[in-house]
Amino acid sequence: MMNKTVFLSIGAEFIHGGHIAIIDRAAELGELTVGVLSDEAIMSYKGCPILTYEERCRVISHLNGVSHVMKKDTLGYEKIIRELRPDYVVHGDRWNGNSKKKILELLEQYGGELVEFPYTEEHEYSVFDSRIEQMRYMPEVRRGKLKRALQLSRRPLRVLEAHDGLTGLIVEKTQLCKAEEVRQFDAMWVSSLCDSTAKGKPDIELVDMTSRENTINEIMEVTTKPIILDGDTGGLPEHFYYNIRTLERMGVSAVIIEDKVGLKKNSLFGTDAGQQQDTIENFCEKIRIGKSALTTNDFMIIARIESLILDQGMEDAMRRASAYVEAGADGIMIHSKKKEAGEILEFCRRFREIYEDIVLVVVPTTYAGITEEELAGYGVNIIIYANHLIRSAFPAMSRVAKMILENERALEAGEMCMPIKEILTLI
């Protein structure tokens, strides 16, 4: 059989007897090439891998029966099959979407064959897999995921707000399969606006840090993706120091603080709300205090610049960006209330001319027409969809409530409601 060629794709985050069994059986068919999924390919469907591609390759290359190891950059098989033209493609007997149909079409073009082996159902292997999944919940693992994802990803990270455990599950589980690509959200944004709104309170830092931490814990208990916290102004510098310690210990990946003082009001009110920007010196000192509180290299402090919101101009925004980076900020978030992205793109262009590697964050709420691809072209690293789940939930719930009042029964409202079985499955 050694004149036959065999291809097997594997993620190989961790190897147990079930993986060894399928590799052994695949090797019996001929000369075996194992395609190890790249870090970015794994990120596309299950988040940042615990082991790097190089570490996983090293393990696979030392297994008996493996003749060759190569990088597999996508979940799909088209590129690999066209390049290698293997006699056999080996796969487990569980499939998602139309991937099996596509593989069969490609193999039929030259007479290749798909060989399916049943997944190993040994109890100890399922226990092992369960323990590996549990590791993803641990603060030590979760905290560094955002920074690692930024290092691995060739596209901007896609972040969606979550304000409780249920919305956290939506961010965690929502995926879209398109061609050979799986799209998902890379992280969660815990917004002060959404957290306050979910509690029926105004967005003026009325919800205290203890309550914010409770929200984070609710989300963390049922999800594994990294969390970026909206830290408002950061509060008093002396308090900010201890809040950073707490957030880092909890497993939060980053906090974003805005350079405003006084009673906090939502930025999209702009100058109409009488908001006041902090001095560069004071805000830089707050950044330095926050950085001094850290005990690991995983946690990120990102400075949010309000100059464009408060009509202070591009030069002020650039001056503050440079000062905040020099003070130790791991990233810069630039905000705007304009309906077009022009000033945001100008800032990004000018910022990237000076800083190639500092994380750049945008929040396209008002300028929602711009695409992720366009923002990527200007060097954006993180795109936050900051309030869309709460904004979509309120109209839907309000409409259901009105329909029940109007009809004096729930039948008509049922069309807008998720079936009970589906929500039980989600949980």
Protein backbone atom coordinates (compact mmCIF):
# COMPACT_ATOMS: atom_id res chain seq x y z
CA MET A 1 0.00 0.00 0.00
CA MET A 2 2.98 2.33 0.36
CA ASN A 3 2.64 3.55 -3.22
CA LYS A 4 -0.65 5.12 -2.16
CA THR A 5 -0.81 8.60 -0.62
CA VAL A 6 -3.06 9.50 2.30
CA PHE A 7 -4.08 12.83 3.78
CA LEU A 8 -5.52 13.46 7.25
CA SER A 9 -6.39 16.86 8.77
CA ILE A 10 -6.07 17.39 12.50
CA GLY A 11 -6.13 20.25 15.00
CA ALA A 12 -3.95 18.39 17.52
CA GLU A 13 -4.36 20.77 20.43
CA PHE A 14 -4.01 17.68 22.58
CA ILE A 15 -3.48 14.08 21.58
CA HIS A 16 -5.12 11.05 23.18
CA GLY A 17 -5.64 7.42 22.21
CA GLY A 18 -8.53 8.19 19.87
CA HIS A 19 -6.28 10.38 17.73
CA ILE A 20 -3.52 7.78 17.74
CA ALA A 21 -6.03 5.14 16.58
CA ILE A 22 -7.17 7.12 13.54
CA ILE A 23 -3.55 8.01 12.64
CA ASP A 24 -2.59 4.32 12.83
CA ARG A 25 -5.50 3.29 10.61
CA ALA A 26 -4.76 6.08 8.13
CA ALA A 27 -1.09 5.03 7.95
CA GLU A 28 -2.15 1.48 7.02
CA LEU A 29 -3.61 2.87 3.79
CA GLY A 30 -0.32 4.33 2.53
CA GLU A 31 2.16 7.14 2.96
CA LEU A 32 0.49 9.50 5.40
CA THR A 33 0.61 13.31 5.28
CA VAL A 34 -1.00 15.05 8.24
CA GLY A 35 -2.27 18.57 7.72
CA VAL A 36 -2.02 20.37 11.05
CA LEU A 37 -4.45 23.26 11.31
CA SER A 38 -2.78 26.65 11.64
CA ASP A 39 -3.43 28.76 14.72
CA GLU A 40 -5.65 31.06 12.69
CA ALA A 41 -7.67 28.14 11.29
CA ILE A 42 -8.38 26.90 14.82
CA MET A 43 -9.23 30.44 15.89
CA SER A 44 -11.87 30.60 13.17
CA TYR A 45 -14.08 28.01 14.84
CA LYS A 46 -13.09 27.50 18.47
CA GLY A 47 -10.98 30.44 19.58
CA CYS A 48 -7.29 30.83 20.29
CA PRO A 49 -5.53 27.43 20.59
CA ILE A 50 -3.84 26.57 23.86
CA LEU A 51 -0.79 25.11 22.06
CA THR A 52 0.88 26.92 19.16
CA TYR A 53 1.09 25.51 15.65
CA GLU A 54 4.80 24.83 16.08
CA GLU A 55 4.20 22.90 19.30
CA ARG A 56 1.43 20.85 17.73
CA CYS A 57 3.52 20.11 14.64
CA ARG A 58 6.38 18.87 16.80
CA VAL A 59 4.09 16.38 18.53
CA ILE A 60 2.49 15.08 15.33
CA SER A 61 5.79 14.72 13.45
CA HIS A 62 7.09 12.29 16.11
CA LEU A 63 4.13 9.90 15.93
CA ASN A 64 4.59 6.50 14.30
CA GLY A 65 3.06 6.26 10.86
CA VAL A 66 3.29 9.97 10.04
CA SER A 67 5.48 10.48 6.97
CA HIS A 68 4.94 14.20 6.38
CA VAL A 69 3.48 17.18 8.25
CA MET A 70 2.21 20.32 6.55
CA LYS A 71 0.33 23.45 7.55
CA LYS A 72 -3.38 23.58 6.76
CA ASP A 73 -4.43 27.24 6.69
CA THR A 74 -8.18 26.72 6.28
CA LEU A 75 -10.83 24.30 7.49
CA GLY A 76 -11.65 23.45 3.89
CA TYR A 77 -9.86 20.85 1.75
CA GLU A 78 -9.94 22.33 -1.76
CA LYS A 79 -6.43 23.79 -1.79
CA ILE A 80 -4.87 20.69 -0.22
CA ILE A 81 -6.60 18.21 -2.51
CA ARG A 82 -5.72 20.18 -5.64
CA GLU A 83 -2.06 20.40 -4.58
CA LEU A 84 -1.49 16.87 -3.20
CA ARG A 85 -4.08 14.84 -5.13
CA PRO A 86 -3.99 12.12 -2.44
CA ASP A 87 -5.34 8.66 -3.18
CA TYR A 88 -7.21 8.73 0.12
CA VAL A 89 -8.56 11.51 2.33
CA VAL A 90 -9.26 10.22 5.82
CA HIS A 91 -11.94 11.83 7.99
CA GLY A 92 -14.01 10.96 11.02
CA ASP A 93 -17.64 9.99 10.48
CA ARG A 94 -19.06 13.22 11.94
CA TRP A 95 -19.59 16.09 9.53
CA ASN A 96 -20.70 19.72 9.62
CA GLY A 97 -22.33 21.55 6.72
CA ASN A 98 -21.53 20.68 3.11
CA SER A 99 -17.83 19.89 3.60
CA LYS A 100 -18.24 16.17 2.85
CA LYS A 101 -20.03 16.87 -0.43
CA LYS A 102 -17.28 19.27 -1.51
CA ILE A 103 -14.52 16.77 -0.70
CA LEU A 104 -16.28 14.02 -2.69
CA GLU A 105 -16.62 16.33 -5.70
CA LEU A 106 -12.91 17.18 -5.62
CA LEU A 107 -11.81 13.55 -5.22
CA GLU A 108 -14.08 12.39 -8.04
CA GLN A 109 -12.21 14.61 -10.48
CA TYR A 110 -9.16 12.32 -10.41
CA GLY A 111 -10.37 9.09 -8.80
CA GLY A 112 -9.45 9.76 -5.17
CA GLU A 113 -11.36 8.15 -2.34
CA LEU A 114 -12.82 9.39 0.95
CA VAL A 115 -12.30 7.00 3.86
CA GLU A 116 -14.39 7.59 6.99
CA PHE A 117 -13.43 6.11 10.33
CA PRO A 118 -15.82 6.20 13.30
CA TYR A 119 -14.89 8.47 16.18
CA THR A 120 -13.53 6.60 19.18
CA GLU A 121 -16.16 6.50 21.91
CA GLU A 122 -13.93 5.42 24.82
CA HIS A 123 -15.11 6.98 28.07
CA GLU A 124 -11.66 8.05 29.20
CA TYR A 125 -11.14 9.98 25.95
CA SER A 126 -14.39 11.92 26.38
CA VAL A 127 -13.37 12.71 29.97
CA PHE A 128 -10.00 13.94 28.67
CA ASP A 129 -11.69 16.16 26.07
CA SER A 130 -14.02 17.51 28.76
CA ARG A 131 -11.09 18.43 30.99
CA ILE A 132 -9.36 20.20 28.13
CA GLU A 133 -12.51 22.24 27.49
CA GLN A 134 -12.69 23.10 31.18
CA MET A 135 -9.18 24.54 30.96
CA ARG A 136 -10.51 27.21 28.62
CA TYR A 137 -12.60 28.61 31.49
CA MET A 138 -9.61 29.07 33.78
CA PRO A 139 -8.53 32.69 34.39
CA GLU A 140 -4.87 31.90 33.69
CA VAL A 141 -5.77 30.51 30.26
CA ARG A 142 -8.48 33.01 29.37
CA ARG A 143 -6.65 36.19 30.35
CA GLY A 144 -3.92 35.91 27.70
CA LYS A 145 -6.19 34.86 24.83
CA LEU A 146 -6.80 38.36 23.52
CA LYS A 147 -3.14 39.30 23.28
CA ARG A 148 -2.33 35.95 21.68
CA ALA A 149 -5.18 36.27 19.19
CA LEU A 150 -3.87 39.69 18.17
CA GLN A 151 -0.47 38.14 17.51
CA LEU A 152 -1.89 35.26 15.46
CA SER A 153 -4.69 36.86 13.46
CA ARG A 154 -4.16 38.38 10.04
CA ARG A 155 -7.50 40.20 10.23
CA PRO A 156 -9.02 42.54 12.83
CA LEU A 157 -10.54 40.77 15.81
CA ARG A 158 -14.34 40.88 15.77
CA VAL A 159 -15.85 41.75 19.18
CA LEU A 160 -19.54 41.84 20.20
CA GLU A 161 -21.08 43.16 23.40
CA ALA A 162 -22.42 40.86 26.10
CA HIS A 163 -24.25 42.04 29.21
CA ASP A 164 -25.27 38.79 30.91
CA GLY A 165 -24.78 35.03 30.68
CA LEU A 166 -27.33 34.58 27.88
CA THR A 167 -25.83 37.22 25.59
CA GLY A 168 -22.42 35.80 26.47
CA LEU A 169 -23.59 32.44 25.11
CA ILE A 170 -24.79 34.13 21.92
CA VAL A 171 -21.35 35.68 21.37
CA GLU A 172 -19.68 32.38 22.29
CA LYS A 173 -21.73 30.11 20.02
CA THR A 174 -22.81 32.17 17.01
CA GLN A 175 -21.05 31.06 13.84
CA LEU A 176 -21.55 31.53 10.13
CA CYS A 177 -20.20 29.03 7.62
CA LYS A 178 -19.43 30.64 4.28
CA ALA A 179 -17.62 28.61 1.61
CA GLU A 180 -14.54 27.22 3.40
CA GLU A 181 -14.59 29.94 6.07
CA VAL A 182 -16.16 29.87 9.51
CA ARG A 183 -16.91 33.32 10.91
CA GLN A 184 -17.36 33.94 14.59
CA PHE A 185 -16.72 36.58 17.24
CA ASP A 186 -13.27 36.57 18.79
CA ALA A 187 -14.03 38.30 22.09
CA MET A 188 -16.72 39.96 24.20
CA TRP A 189 -17.18 43.62 25.09
CA VAL A 190 -18.74 44.22 28.50
CA SER A 191 -20.11 47.71 27.96
CA SER A 192 -21.04 50.11 30.75
CA LEU A 193 -23.94 51.36 28.60
CA CYS A 194 -25.35 47.85 28.09
CA ASP A 195 -24.67 46.78 31.66
CA SER A 196 -26.46 49.87 32.96
CA THR A 197 -29.34 49.56 30.50
CA ALA A 198 -29.89 45.89 31.37
CA LYS A 199 -30.29 47.01 34.98
CA GLY A 200 -32.64 49.85 34.00
CA LYS A 201 -30.18 52.56 35.05
CA PRO A 202 -28.55 55.50 33.21
CA ASP A 203 -25.04 55.21 31.81
CA ILE A 204 -23.37 57.60 34.28
CA GLU A 205 -21.09 55.20 36.20
CA LEU A 206 -24.03 54.62 38.56
CA VAL A 207 -23.48 50.86 38.38
CA ASP A 208 -20.51 50.36 40.69
CA MET A 209 -17.48 48.18 40.09
CA THR A 210 -18.73 45.36 42.31
CA SER A 211 -21.87 45.07 40.19
CA ARG A 212 -19.79 45.19 37.01
CA GLU A 213 -17.64 42.35 38.36
CA ASN A 214 -20.78 40.31 39.06
CA THR A 215 -21.80 40.72 35.41
CA ILE A 216 -18.35 39.59 34.30
CA ASN A 217 -18.58 36.53 36.55
CA GLU A 218 -22.00 35.61 35.11
CA ILE A 219 -20.55 35.72 31.61
CA MET A 220 -17.35 33.89 32.55
CA GLU A 221 -19.21 30.99 34.12
CA VAL A 222 -20.74 29.97 30.78
CA THR A 223 -18.23 31.16 28.16
CA THR A 224 -14.54 30.86 27.27
CA LYS A 225 -13.79 33.78 24.96
CA PRO A 226 -11.66 36.73 26.10
CA ILE A 227 -13.37 39.72 27.70
CA ILE A 228 -12.66 43.40 27.12
CA LEU A 229 -14.19 45.60 29.82
CA ASP A 230 -15.52 49.10 29.24
CA GLY A 231 -13.89 50.76 32.24
CA ASP A 232 -15.50 54.20 31.69
CA THR A 233 -13.06 56.83 33.02
CA GLY A 234 -11.27 54.35 35.26
CA GLY A 235 -12.41 56.29 38.33
CA LEU A 236 -9.97 57.66 40.87
CA PRO A 237 -6.36 56.62 40.14
CA GLU A 238 -6.08 55.07 43.61
CA HIS A 239 -9.18 52.95 42.93
CA PHE A 240 -8.06 52.13 39.40
CA TYR A 241 -4.94 50.42 40.75
CA TYR A 242 -6.95 47.91 42.79
CA ASN A 243 -9.60 47.45 40.10
CA ILE A 244 -6.87 46.43 37.68
CA ARG A 245 -5.59 43.88 40.19
CA THR A 246 -9.09 42.43 40.51
CA LEU A 247 -9.79 42.30 36.78
CA GLU A 248 -6.45 40.66 36.04
CA ARG A 249 -7.04 38.03 38.72
CA MET A 250 -10.56 37.33 37.38
CA GLY A 251 -9.19 36.52 33.92
CA VAL A 252 -10.36 39.63 32.05
CA SER A 253 -8.08 40.31 29.07
CA ALA A 254 -8.25 44.09 28.73
CA VAL A 255 -9.83 47.27 30.03
CA ILE A 256 -10.52 50.38 27.96
CA ILE A 257 -10.64 53.70 29.83
CA GLU A 258 -11.67 57.05 28.36
CA ASP A 259 -9.90 60.36 28.93
CA LYS A 260 -12.81 62.26 30.50
CA VAL A 261 -13.44 63.66 33.98
CA GLY A 262 -16.50 64.62 35.98
CA LEU A 263 -19.89 62.96 35.70
CA LYS A 264 -19.57 60.37 32.98
CA LYS A 265 -22.11 60.62 30.16
CA ASN A 266 -22.31 58.54 27.01
CA SER A 267 -19.85 59.74 24.38
CA LEU A 268 -22.44 59.83 21.60
CA PHE A 269 -24.03 62.86 23.30
CA GLY A 270 -20.83 64.67 22.32
CA THR A 271 -20.53 68.31 23.36
CA ASP A 272 -24.29 68.56 24.02
CA ALA A 273 -23.84 66.90 27.43
CA GLY A 274 -21.17 69.27 28.74
CA GLN A 275 -18.53 66.56 28.97
CA GLN A 276 -14.97 67.53 29.90
CA GLN A 277 -11.75 65.90 28.76
CA ASP A 278 -9.01 65.07 31.25
CA THR A 279 -5.59 66.67 30.91
CA ILE A 280 -2.96 64.66 29.11
CA GLU A 281 -0.76 64.67 32.23
CA ASN A 282 -3.47 63.34 34.56
CA PHE A 283 -4.60 60.61 32.17
CA CYS A 284 -1.03 59.48 31.50
CA GLU A 285 -0.50 59.18 35.25
CA LYS A 286 -3.63 57.00 35.49
CA ILE A 287 -2.27 54.74 32.76
CA ARG A 288 1.06 54.44 34.58
CA ILE A 289 -0.68 53.61 37.85
CA GLY A 290 -2.73 50.91 36.14
CA LYS A 291 0.33 49.40 34.50
CA SER A 292 2.17 49.31 37.83
CA ALA A 293 -0.63 47.19 39.29
CA LEU A 294 -0.16 44.33 36.81
CA THR A 295 1.46 41.06 37.81
CA THR A 296 1.41 39.41 34.35
CA ASN A 297 2.10 40.41 30.75
CA ASP A 298 -1.32 39.13 29.63
CA PHE A 299 -3.57 42.00 30.67
CA MET A 300 -3.93 45.06 28.42
CA ILE A 301 -4.78 48.67 29.29
CA ILE A 302 -6.18 50.51 26.27
CA ALA A 303 -6.62 54.30 26.23
CA ARG A 304 -9.77 55.70 24.65
CA ILE A 305 -9.40 59.16 23.08
CA GLU A 306 -12.46 61.45 23.13
CA SER A 307 -10.95 64.36 21.18
CA LEU A 308 -13.04 63.78 18.05
CA ILE A 309 -16.19 63.27 20.12
CA LEU A 310 -15.64 66.61 21.91
CA ASP A 311 -14.63 68.53 18.76
CA GLN A 312 -11.06 69.08 19.93
CA GLY A 313 -9.66 68.18 16.53
CA MET A 314 -7.31 65.70 14.93
CA GLU A 315 -4.11 67.30 16.22
CA ASP A 316 -5.29 66.99 19.81
CA ALA A 317 -6.21 63.35 19.20
CA MET A 318 -2.78 62.59 17.74
CA ARG A 319 -0.98 64.44 20.53
CA ARG A 320 -2.89 62.44 23.14
CA ALA A 321 -2.30 59.15 21.31
CA SER A 322 1.45 59.67 21.39
CA ALA A 323 1.43 60.66 25.05
CA TYR A 324 -0.71 57.69 26.07
CA VAL A 325 1.49 55.23 24.20
CA GLU A 326 4.57 56.70 25.84
CA ALA A 327 2.84 56.35 29.24
CA GLY A 328 2.52 52.61 28.61
CA ALA A 329 -0.91 52.10 27.03
CA ASP A 330 -1.08 48.76 25.20
CA GLY A 331 -3.49 50.16 22.66
CA ILE A 332 -5.48 53.18 21.51
CA MET A 333 -9.21 53.32 20.92
CA ILE A 334 -10.34 56.24 18.77
CA HIS A 335 -14.00 57.22 18.96
CA SER A 336 -16.26 59.31 16.75
CA LYS A 337 -19.94 60.27 16.58
CA LYS A 338 -19.86 61.12 12.86
CA LYS A 339 -22.03 59.09 10.47
CA GLU A 340 -19.15 58.74 8.03
CA ALA A 341 -15.79 57.13 8.85
CA GLY A 342 -13.58 59.83 7.30
CA GLU A 343 -12.05 61.24 10.47
CA ILE A 344 -11.57 57.79 11.96
CA LEU A 345 -9.71 56.63 8.87
CA GLU A 346 -7.56 59.76 8.87
CA PHE A 347 -6.60 59.13 12.49
CA CYS A 348 -5.81 55.47 11.76
CA ARG A 349 -3.64 56.41 8.78
CA ARG A 350 -1.68 59.01 10.74
CA PHE A 351 -1.36 56.78 13.80
CA ARG A 352 -0.01 53.86 11.75
CA GLU A 353 2.62 56.11 10.16
CA ILE A 354 4.10 56.53 13.65
CA TYR A 355 3.20 53.29 15.45
CA GLU A 356 3.27 50.03 13.53
CA ASP A 357 2.66 47.60 16.39
CA ILE A 358 0.41 49.38 18.92
CA VAL A 359 -3.10 47.91 19.06
CA LEU A 360 -5.69 50.14 17.36
CA VAL A 361 -9.38 49.82 18.31
CA VAL A 362 -12.47 51.31 16.66
CA VAL A 363 -16.21 51.18 17.46
CA PRO A 364 -18.25 51.64 14.25
CA THR A 365 -21.60 52.45 15.88
CA THR A 366 -22.53 55.67 14.08
CA TYR A 367 -20.39 55.05 10.99
CA ALA A 368 -21.82 51.55 10.61
CA GLY A 369 -21.53 51.39 6.82
CA ILE A 370 -17.79 50.72 6.78
CA THR A 371 -16.68 47.11 6.39
CA GLU A 372 -14.20 45.11 8.42
CA GLU A 373 -12.05 44.72 5.31
CA GLU A 374 -11.88 48.49 4.82
CA LEU A 375 -10.90 49.03 8.45
CA ALA A 376 -8.25 46.32 8.16
CA GLY A 377 -6.71 48.29 5.30
CA TYR A 378 -6.10 51.16 7.70
CA GLY A 379 -4.37 48.99 10.29
CA VAL A 380 -7.26 48.46 12.72
CA ASN A 381 -6.70 45.49 15.07
CA ILE A 382 -9.98 45.29 17.01
CA ILE A 383 -13.50 46.16 15.85
CA ILE A 384 -16.08 46.41 18.63
CA TYR A 385 -19.81 46.08 17.93
CA ALA A 386 -20.54 47.80 21.19
CA ASN A 387 -24.27 47.68 21.93
CA HIS A 388 -26.12 45.77 19.24
CA LEU A 389 -27.50 42.88 21.28
CA ILE A 390 -29.18 45.11 23.87
CA ARG A 391 -30.44 47.48 21.18
CA SER A 392 -31.99 44.62 19.23
CA ALA A 393 -33.42 42.91 22.33
CA PHE A 394 -35.35 45.93 23.64
CA PRO A 395 -37.55 46.49 20.53
CA ALA A 396 -38.27 42.75 20.27
CA MET A 397 -39.27 42.41 23.93
CA SER A 398 -41.32 45.60 23.81
CA ARG A 399 -43.20 44.38 20.74
CA VAL A 400 -43.97 41.00 22.34
CA ALA A 401 -45.30 42.73 25.46
CA LYS A 402 -47.58 44.95 23.36
CA MET A 403 -48.87 41.97 21.33
CA ILE A 404 -49.88 40.16 24.51
CA LEU A 405 -51.74 43.26 25.73
CA GLU A 406 -53.42 43.76 22.38
CA ASN A 407 -54.62 40.18 21.94
CA GLU A 408 -55.09 39.25 25.60
CA ARG A 409 -53.23 36.01 24.91
CA ALA A 410 -49.73 34.83 23.91
CA LEU A 411 -50.48 33.03 20.62
CA GLU A 412 -49.62 35.92 18.29
CA ALA A 413 -46.49 36.79 20.25
CA GLY A 414 -45.26 33.22 19.94
CA GLU A 415 -44.14 33.82 16.36
CA MET A 416 -41.48 36.20 17.68
CA CYS A 417 -40.30 33.90 20.44
CA MET A 418 -37.61 31.25 20.40
CA PRO A 419 -39.07 27.75 20.94
CA ILE A 420 -38.59 26.48 24.49
CA LYS A 421 -36.70 23.39 23.26
CA GLU A 422 -34.20 25.56 21.38
CA ILE A 423 -33.44 27.80 24.32
CA LEU A 424 -33.02 24.76 26.58
CA THR A 425 -30.57 23.34 24.04
CA LEU A 426 -28.66 26.63 23.93
CA ILE A 427 -28.28 26.68 27.72
